[in-house]
Amino acid sequence: MDALVNYLLQFGELTPTQIELVKSKAKAVTLKKNCYFSEAGKVAHQVAYVVEGVLRVSFYNKEGQELTKYFIDENNFAVNLASYSSQTPSTEYIQAVTHCKLVVLSRDAFKELSAEIAGWDVIIKNLTAKSLLDKVNCISPMLAEDAKSRYLNFLEKFPHVANRVPLSMLASYLGITQSSLSRIRKNS
């Protein structure tokens, strides 16, 4: 719980009483490798803070291929924001790539924290803005890069993730075939 609180304190202030309230609403969850935190077709009712491990967000395209949108590692939140906010079924899966330790807050817990902590909404707004900016900064440059550049930039930005995810998932994220990724890795 302390990892979650320390992360939240980067985005605003909390009194000791408020910190205890946050801790009382949070739940420690262990997610085994390949298990799902959230699934397509279901409404997202909780948010997870990743204490340990790597999650991936994926979806199936019209041809039925599973594609990886991005990875979520330690000190980041995992949620299908569109589903969570609108309470509509998700179009994505959030799956554990490795064994994960999460701190989970339910939608009801978020509502209670919002009602009881004056600065909670500001903290969440600042945190959400940072997360969305990080995502845009990660995805936008990839659109104009060739496969080798995408791979090298991924290694530079996420060196602690690259060796923890299967090549097939990394290739899917980079938008290339697994054999192309193998060649790029061999020649890099």
Protein backbone atom coordinates (compact mmCIF):
# COMPACT_ATOMS: atom_id res chain seq x y z
CA MET A 1 0.00 0.00 0.00
CA ASP A 2 2.90 2.34 0.70
CA ALA A 3 4.01 2.22 -2.94
CA LEU A 4 0.56 3.41 -4.04
CA VAL A 5 0.50 6.21 -1.46
CA ASN A 6 4.01 7.37 -2.38
CA TYR A 7 2.99 7.49 -6.02
CA LEU A 8 -0.19 9.46 -5.27
CA LEU A 9 1.77 11.97 -3.21
CA GLN A 10 3.64 12.98 -6.38
CA PHE A 11 0.37 14.48 -7.65
CA GLY A 12 -0.97 16.21 -4.55
CA GLU A 13 -1.04 16.30 -0.77
CA LEU A 14 -2.70 13.88 1.61
CA THR A 15 -2.87 14.13 5.40
CA PRO A 16 -1.96 11.11 7.52
CA THR A 17 -5.68 10.49 8.13
CA GLN A 18 -6.39 10.64 4.39
CA ILE A 19 -3.50 8.25 3.70
CA GLU A 20 -4.99 5.74 6.15
CA LEU A 21 -8.36 6.12 4.42
CA VAL A 22 -6.79 5.38 1.02
CA LYS A 23 -5.04 2.33 2.47
CA SER A 24 -8.28 1.08 4.00
CA LYS A 25 -10.04 1.25 0.61
CA ALA A 26 -7.23 -0.43 -1.35
CA LYS A 27 -6.83 -4.17 -1.72
CA ALA A 28 -3.61 -6.09 -2.43
CA VAL A 29 -4.12 -8.53 -5.31
CA THR A 30 -1.80 -11.11 -6.82
CA LEU A 31 -2.36 -11.87 -10.49
CA LYS A 32 -0.68 -14.95 -11.91
CA LYS A 33 1.02 -14.92 -15.29
CA ASN A 34 -1.48 -15.07 -18.19
CA CYS A 35 -4.47 -14.22 -15.96
CA TYR A 36 -6.66 -11.27 -16.84
CA PHE A 37 -7.18 -8.14 -14.78
CA SER A 38 -9.93 -7.04 -17.16
CA GLU A 39 -11.52 -8.56 -20.24
CA ALA A 40 -13.18 -7.36 -23.42
CA GLY A 41 -16.96 -7.50 -23.25
CA LYS A 42 -17.00 -6.77 -19.52
CA VAL A 43 -17.36 -3.42 -17.78
CA ALA A 44 -14.26 -2.20 -15.91
CA HIS A 45 -15.11 -1.69 -12.22
CA GLN A 46 -11.63 -1.31 -10.74
CA VAL A 47 -8.27 0.36 -11.18
CA ALA A 48 -4.94 -1.34 -10.42
CA TYR A 49 -1.63 0.16 -9.41
CA VAL A 50 1.22 -2.13 -10.49
CA VAL A 51 3.60 -2.77 -7.60
CA GLU A 52 5.44 -5.60 -9.32
CA GLY A 53 5.20 -7.19 -12.75
CA VAL A 54 4.13 -6.37 -16.29
CA LEU A 55 0.63 -6.23 -17.74
CA ARG A 56 -0.28 -5.82 -21.37
CA VAL A 57 -3.26 -4.23 -23.03
CA SER A 58 -4.42 -6.10 -26.13
CA PHE A 59 -7.36 -6.45 -28.48
CA TYR A 60 -8.45 -8.49 -31.47
CA ASN A 61 -8.64 -6.83 -34.88
CA LYS A 62 -11.28 -7.54 -37.55
CA GLU A 63 -9.18 -10.43 -38.89
CA GLY A 64 -9.12 -12.07 -35.47
CA GLN A 65 -5.45 -11.32 -34.78
CA GLU A 66 -4.50 -10.47 -31.22
CA LEU A 67 -2.58 -7.18 -31.13
CA THR A 68 -0.70 -5.63 -28.23
CA LYS A 69 -1.45 -1.93 -27.69
CA TYR A 70 1.04 -1.32 -24.88
CA PHE A 71 2.60 -2.66 -21.70
CA ILE A 72 2.09 -1.46 -18.13
CA ASP A 73 4.89 -2.00 -15.65
CA GLU A 74 5.68 -1.01 -12.09
CA ASN A 75 4.55 2.36 -10.73
CA ASN A 76 1.78 2.76 -13.29
CA PHE A 77 -1.98 2.37 -13.21
CA ALA A 78 -3.94 -0.14 -15.26
CA VAL A 79 -7.53 0.47 -16.27
CA ASN A 80 -9.60 0.54 -19.41
CA LEU A 81 -10.45 4.19 -18.90
CA ALA A 82 -13.23 4.34 -21.51
CA SER A 83 -15.04 1.36 -20.00
CA TYR A 84 -14.44 2.50 -16.42
CA SER A 85 -15.60 6.07 -17.06
CA SER A 86 -18.66 5.31 -19.19
CA GLN A 87 -19.49 1.95 -17.56
CA THR A 88 -19.71 0.32 -21.00
CA PRO A 89 -18.17 -3.01 -22.01
CA SER A 90 -14.45 -2.91 -22.68
CA THR A 91 -12.98 -3.64 -26.10
CA GLU A 92 -9.59 -4.55 -24.64
CA TYR A 93 -7.97 -7.14 -22.42
CA ILE A 94 -5.53 -6.35 -19.61
CA GLN A 95 -3.47 -9.48 -18.98
CA ALA A 96 -0.56 -10.34 -16.71
CA VAL A 97 2.56 -11.02 -18.79
CA THR A 98 4.47 -11.87 -15.62
CA HIS A 99 3.41 -12.69 -12.08
CA CYS A 100 1.99 -9.36 -10.79
CA LYS A 101 1.39 -7.72 -7.45
CA LEU A 102 -1.28 -5.06 -7.70
CA VAL A 103 -3.03 -2.62 -5.40
CA VAL A 104 -6.64 -2.38 -6.53
CA LEU A 105 -9.24 0.29 -5.90
CA SER A 106 -12.85 -0.41 -6.82
CA ARG A 107 -15.06 2.17 -8.50
CA ASP A 108 -17.01 2.49 -5.23
CA ALA A 109 -13.77 3.09 -3.31
CA PHE A 110 -12.84 5.85 -5.77
CA LYS A 111 -16.25 7.48 -5.25
CA GLU A 112 -15.86 7.31 -1.47
CA LEU A 113 -12.35 8.76 -1.61
CA SER A 114 -13.60 11.54 -3.88
CA ALA A 115 -16.38 12.36 -1.42
CA GLU A 116 -14.17 12.24 1.68
CA ILE A 117 -10.84 13.72 0.51
CA ALA A 118 -11.02 17.33 -0.68
CA GLY A 119 -7.98 17.10 -2.99
CA TRP A 120 -8.62 13.57 -4.33
CA ASP A 121 -10.12 14.65 -7.64
CA VAL A 122 -7.18 16.99 -8.30
CA ILE A 123 -4.70 14.18 -7.56
CA ILE A 124 -6.54 11.84 -9.96
CA LYS A 125 -6.83 14.56 -12.62
CA ASN A 126 -3.07 15.24 -12.45
CA LEU A 127 -2.24 11.54 -12.46
CA THR A 128 -4.54 10.87 -15.43
CA ALA A 129 -3.09 13.79 -17.39
CA LYS A 130 0.46 12.46 -16.83
CA SER A 131 -0.55 8.92 -17.82
CA LEU A 132 -2.25 10.07 -21.02
CA LEU A 133 0.71 12.29 -21.94
CA ASP A 134 3.11 9.38 -21.35
CA LYS A 135 0.98 7.18 -23.60
CA VAL A 136 0.87 9.79 -26.40
CA ASN A 137 4.63 10.37 -26.15
CA CYS A 138 5.17 6.63 -26.40
CA ILE A 139 2.85 5.98 -29.35
CA SER A 140 3.23 9.10 -31.54
CA PRO A 141 6.95 8.76 -32.38
CA MET A 142 6.43 5.11 -33.38
CA LEU A 143 4.10 6.09 -36.20
CA ALA A 144 6.93 7.61 -38.27
CA GLU A 145 9.71 5.14 -37.44
CA ASP A 146 10.91 2.05 -39.24
CA ALA A 147 10.85 -1.31 -37.44
CA LYS A 148 14.46 -1.19 -36.25
CA SER A 149 14.04 2.33 -34.86
CA ARG A 150 10.83 1.33 -33.08
CA TYR A 151 12.64 -1.60 -31.46
CA LEU A 152 15.70 0.43 -30.44
CA ASN A 153 13.52 3.21 -29.03
CA PHE A 154 11.49 0.65 -27.08
CA LEU A 155 14.72 -0.72 -25.59
CA GLU A 156 15.81 2.79 -24.68
CA LYS A 157 12.50 3.82 -23.09
CA PHE A 158 11.58 0.47 -21.50
CA PRO A 159 14.79 -1.52 -20.90
CA HIS A 160 13.25 -3.19 -17.83
CA VAL A 161 10.27 -4.47 -19.87
CA ALA A 162 11.94 -5.75 -23.05
CA ASN A 163 13.38 -8.93 -21.54
CA ARG A 164 10.26 -9.69 -19.48
CA VAL A 165 7.76 -10.06 -22.29
CA PRO A 166 7.55 -12.79 -24.95
CA LEU A 167 8.93 -11.91 -28.39
CA SER A 168 5.51 -12.48 -29.95
CA MET A 169 3.94 -9.80 -27.74
CA LEU A 170 6.80 -7.37 -28.31
CA ALA A 171 6.59 -7.91 -32.07
CA SER A 172 2.83 -7.32 -31.95
CA TYR A 173 3.36 -4.07 -30.01
CA LEU A 174 5.99 -2.90 -32.51
CA GLY A 175 3.74 -3.79 -35.44
CA ILE A 176 6.14 -6.30 -37.00
CA THR A 177 6.36 -10.05 -37.37
CA GLN A 178 8.19 -12.15 -34.82
CA SER A 179 10.70 -13.26 -37.48
CA SER A 180 11.41 -9.62 -38.38
CA LEU A 181 11.98 -8.82 -34.72
CA SER A 182 14.35 -11.79 -34.41
CA ARG A 183 16.36 -10.49 -37.38
CA ILE A 184 16.46 -6.96 -35.97
CA ARG A 185 17.62 -8.25 -32.56
CA LYS A 186 20.27 -10.42 -34.20
CA ASN A 187 21.64 -7.49 -36.22
CA SER A 188 21.51 -4.90 -33.42
